[in-house]
Amino acid sequence: MEAFLRQRLESAFVWPTMPVRDAIDLADFLVETTKRYFRFLPGADIVGGDTDVAVVTRYEGFKWIRRKHFYPASLNPLETDHA
């Protein structure tokens, strides 16, 4: 029975030709799902809070997609992604 269910329900998440944007969205989805799952478990929260997202590619290197800012934009004039 387990083999039958595994065969019917299991699928590959990642494939070599996945676009970077899709990989970012998948990672964000998995993190958010984990945070929401653990929210309903008994005991202390061990996962939660805002999520920082970055991507590393061969051509662009490290690049922030979404992150928390601890200082105002006036103190970081080189950063243009302050909300």
Protein backbone atom coordinates (compact mmCIF):
# COMPACT_ATOMS: atom_id res chain seq x y z
CA MET A 1 0.00 0.00 0.00
CA GLU A 2 2.81 2.41 0.89
CA ALA A 3 4.53 1.79 -2.44
CA PHE A 4 1.26 2.41 -4.27
CA LEU A 5 0.69 5.72 -2.47
CA ARG A 6 4.29 6.80 -2.97
CA GLN A 7 4.06 6.05 -6.68
CA ARG A 8 0.80 7.99 -7.03
CA LEU A 9 1.69 11.00 -4.86
CA GLU A 10 5.43 11.51 -5.26
CA SER A 11 6.73 13.95 -7.84
CA ALA A 12 9.97 15.73 -8.58
CA PHE A 13 10.09 19.33 -7.31
CA VAL A 14 13.22 20.47 -9.04
CA TRP A 15 14.48 19.86 -12.53
CA PRO A 16 17.69 21.11 -14.16
CA THR A 17 15.92 23.59 -16.44
CA MET A 18 13.82 25.26 -13.74
CA PRO A 19 13.85 29.04 -14.23
CA VAL A 20 15.42 30.99 -11.37
CA ARG A 21 12.15 32.79 -10.62
CA ASP A 22 10.34 29.44 -10.28
CA ALA A 23 13.07 28.12 -7.96
CA ILE A 24 12.73 31.25 -5.81
CA ASP A 25 8.94 30.86 -5.67
CA LEU A 26 9.25 27.15 -4.81
CA ALA A 27 11.71 27.82 -2.00
CA ASP A 28 9.52 30.60 -0.62
CA PHE A 29 6.45 28.35 -0.80
CA LEU A 30 8.21 25.53 1.06
CA VAL A 31 9.43 27.88 3.80
CA GLU A 32 5.98 29.46 4.23
CA THR A 33 4.35 26.01 4.33
CA THR A 34 6.80 24.89 7.01
CA LYS A 35 6.17 28.01 9.09
CA ARG A 36 2.41 27.55 8.90
CA TYR A 37 2.62 23.82 9.68
CA PHE A 38 4.71 24.35 12.81
CA ARG A 39 2.39 27.13 13.95
CA PHE A 40 -0.29 24.56 14.78
CA LEU A 41 1.92 22.05 16.57
CA PRO A 42 1.84 22.03 20.37
CA GLY A 43 4.76 23.63 22.15
CA ALA A 44 6.90 26.64 21.47
CA ASP A 45 7.22 28.08 17.98
CA ILE A 46 10.51 26.96 16.49
CA VAL A 47 9.95 28.35 12.99
CA GLY A 48 8.58 31.75 12.06
CA GLY A 49 9.15 35.38 11.41
CA ASP A 50 9.96 37.21 8.22
CA THR A 51 11.91 35.32 5.59
CA ASP A 52 14.96 36.67 3.80
CA VAL A 53 15.33 35.40 0.25
CA ALA A 54 18.48 35.51 -1.86
CA VAL A 55 19.67 33.76 -4.99
CA VAL A 56 23.14 32.74 -6.12
CA THR A 57 23.74 32.31 -9.83
CA ARG A 58 26.84 31.69 -11.87
CA TYR A 59 26.56 35.00 -13.71
CA GLU A 60 25.16 37.39 -11.11
CA GLY A 61 26.62 35.86 -7.96
CA PHE A 62 24.77 36.60 -4.71
CA LYS A 63 21.66 38.76 -5.06
CA TRP A 64 19.03 39.68 -2.49
CA ILE A 65 15.45 39.07 -3.57
CA ARG A 66 13.71 40.04 -0.33
CA ARG A 67 15.24 40.96 3.00
CA LYS A 68 14.63 42.82 6.21
CA HIS A 69 16.14 46.27 6.60
CA PHE A 70 17.35 47.18 10.04
CA TYR A 71 18.34 50.75 9.20
CA PRO A 72 16.53 53.55 7.34
CA ALA A 73 17.31 54.22 3.69
CA SER A 74 19.07 57.48 4.61
CA LEU A 75 21.81 55.47 6.33
CA ASN A 76 22.18 53.14 3.34
CA PRO A 77 22.35 55.38 0.26
CA LEU A 78 23.75 52.61 -1.97
CA GLU A 79 20.78 50.32 -1.36
CA THR A 80 17.80 51.02 -3.57
CA ASP A 81 15.40 48.30 -2.45
CA HIS A 82 14.07 49.86 0.76
CA ALA A 83 10.30 49.67 0.96
